[in-house]
């Protein structure tokens, strides 16, 4: 019964994250929406790892990967702002050589 509540919470987080990724145009908000989706996956991993700690290990791996994703994403946003003085997702091809 408790797993049901975790599933409902993670479904809500995934839906909010998908809405943010699809509708928003600001890259920082898109990165935050992706983080919501990754945290929903972490909730599921930890909720279903009651017998062993494998799910918690995978959750910590997802947290490390999402930290690296944020660093790369913020570097891209910084370079886009430095080159264009405007942060627009539709003009990301401005960083091509």
C-alpha atoms as a PDB file:
ATOM      1  CA  UNK A   1       0.000   0.000   0.000  1.00  0.00           C
ATOM      2  CA  UNK A   2       2.884   2.365   0.736  1.00  0.00           C
ATOM      3  CA  UNK A   3       4.404   1.692  -2.696  1.00  0.00           C
ATOM      4  CA  UNK A   4       1.173   3.006  -4.224  1.00  0.00           C
ATOM      5  CA  UNK A   5       1.770   6.421  -2.645  1.00  0.00           C
ATOM      6  CA  UNK A   6       5.327   6.488  -3.931  1.00  0.00           C
ATOM      7  CA  UNK A   7       4.114   5.604  -7.417  1.00  0.00           C
ATOM      8  CA  UNK A   8       1.486   8.350  -7.379  1.00  0.00           C
ATOM      9  CA  UNK A   9       4.101  10.876  -6.217  1.00  0.00           C
ATOM     10  CA  UNK A  10       6.579   9.839  -8.893  1.00  0.00           C
ATOM     11  CA  UNK A  11       3.904   9.908 -11.615  1.00  0.00           C
ATOM     12  CA  UNK A  12       3.037  13.449 -10.531  1.00  0.00           C
ATOM     13  CA  UNK A  13       6.691  14.492 -10.666  1.00  0.00           C
ATOM     14  CA  UNK A  14       7.143  12.947 -14.113  1.00  0.00           C
ATOM     15  CA  UNK A  15       4.063  14.725 -15.445  1.00  0.00           C
ATOM     16  CA  UNK A  16       5.183  18.079 -14.038  1.00  0.00           C
ATOM     17  CA  UNK A  17       8.661  17.525 -15.487  1.00  0.00           C
ATOM     18  CA  UNK A  18       7.333  16.578 -18.909  1.00  0.00           C
ATOM     19  CA  UNK A  19       5.078  19.613 -18.932  1.00  0.00           C
ATOM     20  CA  UNK A  20       8.073  21.805 -18.115  1.00  0.00           C
ATOM     21  CA  UNK A  21      10.302  20.257 -20.775  1.00  0.00           C
ATOM     22  CA  UNK A  22       7.649  20.524 -23.476  1.00  0.00           C
ATOM     23  CA  UNK A  23       6.235  23.990 -22.778  1.00  0.00           C
ATOM     24  CA  UNK A  24       9.046  26.073 -21.270  1.00  0.00           C
ATOM     25  CA  UNK A  25      11.622  27.945 -23.332  1.00  0.00           C
ATOM     26  CA  UNK A  26      14.085  29.020 -20.639  1.00  0.00           C
ATOM     27  CA  UNK A  27      16.979  26.548 -20.385  1.00  0.00           C
ATOM     28  CA  UNK A  28      17.346  26.783 -16.602  1.00  0.00           C
ATOM     29  CA  UNK A  29      13.692  25.859 -16.155  1.00  0.00           C
ATOM     30  CA  UNK A  30      14.092  23.001 -18.611  1.00  0.00           C
ATOM     31  CA  UNK A  31      17.053  21.694 -16.598  1.00  0.00           C
ATOM     32  CA  UNK A  32      14.956  21.897 -13.433  1.00  0.00           C
ATOM     33  CA  UNK A  33      12.193  19.933 -15.155  1.00  0.00           C
ATOM     34  CA  UNK A  34      14.671  17.235 -16.155  1.00  0.00           C
ATOM     35  CA  UNK A  35      15.818  17.088 -12.530  1.00  0.00           C
ATOM     36  CA  UNK A  36      12.197  16.501 -11.476  1.00  0.00           C
ATOM     37  CA  UNK A  37      11.990  13.547 -13.842  1.00  0.00           C
ATOM     38  CA  UNK A  38      15.242  12.107 -12.494  1.00  0.00           C
ATOM     39  CA  UNK A  39      14.034  12.540  -8.913  1.00  0.00           C
ATOM     40  CA  UNK A  40      10.844  10.660  -9.800  1.00  0.00           C
ATOM     41  CA  UNK A  41      13.025   7.788 -10.979  1.00  0.00           C
ATOM     42  CA  UNK A  42      14.967   7.982  -7.707  1.00  0.00           C
ATOM     43  CA  UNK A  43      11.740   7.735  -5.701  1.00  0.00           C
ATOM     44  CA  UNK A  44      10.839   4.559  -7.577  1.00  0.00           C
ATOM     45  CA  UNK A  45      14.304   3.069  -7.159  1.00  0.00           C
ATOM     46  CA  UNK A  46      14.358   3.657  -3.413  1.00  0.00           C
ATOM     47  CA  UNK A  47      10.716   2.641  -2.888  1.00  0.00           C
ATOM     48  CA  UNK A  48      11.188  -0.749  -4.492  1.00  0.00           C
ATOM     49  CA  UNK A  49      14.534  -1.580  -2.891  1.00  0.00           C
ATOM     50  CA  UNK A  50      13.117  -2.931   0.351  1.00  0.00           C
ATOM     51  CA  UNK A  51      14.849  -6.326   0.225  1.00  0.00           C
ATOM     52  CA  UNK A  52      18.325  -5.179  -0.813  1.00  0.00           C
ATOM     53  CA  UNK A  53      20.220  -1.961  -1.324  1.00  0.00           C
ATOM     54  CA  UNK A  54      20.699  -2.205  -5.086  1.00  0.00           C
ATOM     55  CA  UNK A  55      17.997   0.374  -5.809  1.00  0.00           C
ATOM     56  CA  UNK A  56      19.556   2.831  -3.401  1.00  0.00           C
ATOM     57  CA  UNK A  57      22.909   2.347  -5.085  1.00  0.00           C
ATOM     58  CA  UNK A  58      21.356   3.062  -8.465  1.00  0.00           C
ATOM     59  CA  UNK A  59      19.643   6.125  -6.978  1.00  0.00           C
ATOM     60  CA  UNK A  60      22.977   7.508  -5.806  1.00  0.00           C
ATOM     61  CA  UNK A  61      24.386   6.840  -9.285  1.00  0.00           C
ATOM     62  CA  UNK A  62      21.472   8.769 -10.825  1.00  0.00           C
ATOM     63  CA  UNK A  63      22.148  11.663  -8.438  1.00  0.00           C
ATOM     64  CA  UNK A  64      25.810  11.754  -9.507  1.00  0.00           C
ATOM     65  CA  UNK A  65      24.879  11.650 -13.193  1.00  0.00           C
ATOM     66  CA  UNK A  66      22.309  14.416 -12.742  1.00  0.00           C
ATOM     67  CA  UNK A  67      24.923  16.591 -11.023  1.00  0.00           C
ATOM     68  CA  UNK A  68      27.196  16.156 -14.035  1.00  0.00           C
ATOM     69  CA  UNK A  69      24.266  16.916 -16.338  1.00  0.00           C
ATOM     70  CA  UNK A  70      23.604  20.164 -14.502  1.00  0.00           C
ATOM     71  CA  UNK A  71      27.250  21.202 -14.792  1.00  0.00           C
ATOM     72  CA  UNK A  72      27.310  20.587 -18.542  1.00  0.00           C
ATOM     73  CA  UNK A  73      23.914  22.246 -19.025  1.00  0.00           C
ATOM     74  CA  UNK A  74      24.908  25.352 -17.103  1.00  0.00           C
ATOM     75  CA  UNK A  75      28.145  25.575 -19.080  1.00  0.00           C
ATOM     76  CA  UNK A  76      26.143  25.489 -22.311  1.00  0.00           C
ATOM     77  CA  UNK A  77      23.753  28.154 -21.011  1.00  0.00           C
ATOM     78  CA  UNK A  78      26.690  30.332 -19.934  1.00  0.00           C
ATOM     79  CA  UNK A  79      28.351  30.068 -23.354  1.00  0.00           C
ATOM     80  CA  UNK A  80      25.068  30.790 -25.103  1.00  0.00           C
ATOM     81  CA  UNK A  81      24.581  33.905 -22.970  1.00  0.00           C
ATOM     82  CA  UNK A  82      28.177  34.989 -23.506  1.00  0.00           C
ATOM     83  CA  UNK A  83      27.874  34.692 -27.293  1.00  0.00           C
ATOM     84  CA  UNK A  84      24.332  35.941 -27.905  1.00  0.00           C
ATOM     85  CA  UNK A  85      23.388  37.971 -24.783  1.00  0.00           C
ATOM     86  CA  UNK A  86      20.069  36.159 -25.051  1.00  0.00           C
ATOM     87  CA  UNK A  87      19.133  32.781 -23.647  1.00  0.00           C
ATOM     88  CA  UNK A  88      16.675  31.203 -26.064  1.00  0.00           C
ATOM     89  CA  UNK A  89      16.335  27.468 -26.499  1.00  0.00           C
ATOM     90  CA  UNK A  90      15.387  27.831 -30.139  1.00  0.00           C
ATOM     91  CA  UNK A  91      18.805  29.349 -30.929  1.00  0.00           C
ATOM     92  CA  UNK A  92      20.973  26.624 -29.429  1.00  0.00           C
ATOM     93  CA  UNK A  93      22.495  25.942 -32.837  1.00  0.00           C
ATOM     94  CA  UNK A  94      24.461  29.191 -32.315  1.00  0.00           C
ATOM     95  CA  UNK A  95      27.128  27.132 -30.522  1.00  0.00           C
ATOM     96  CA  UNK A  96      27.970  25.134 -33.656  1.00  0.00           C
ATOM     97  CA  UNK A  97      31.374  25.696 -35.248  1.00  0.00           C
END
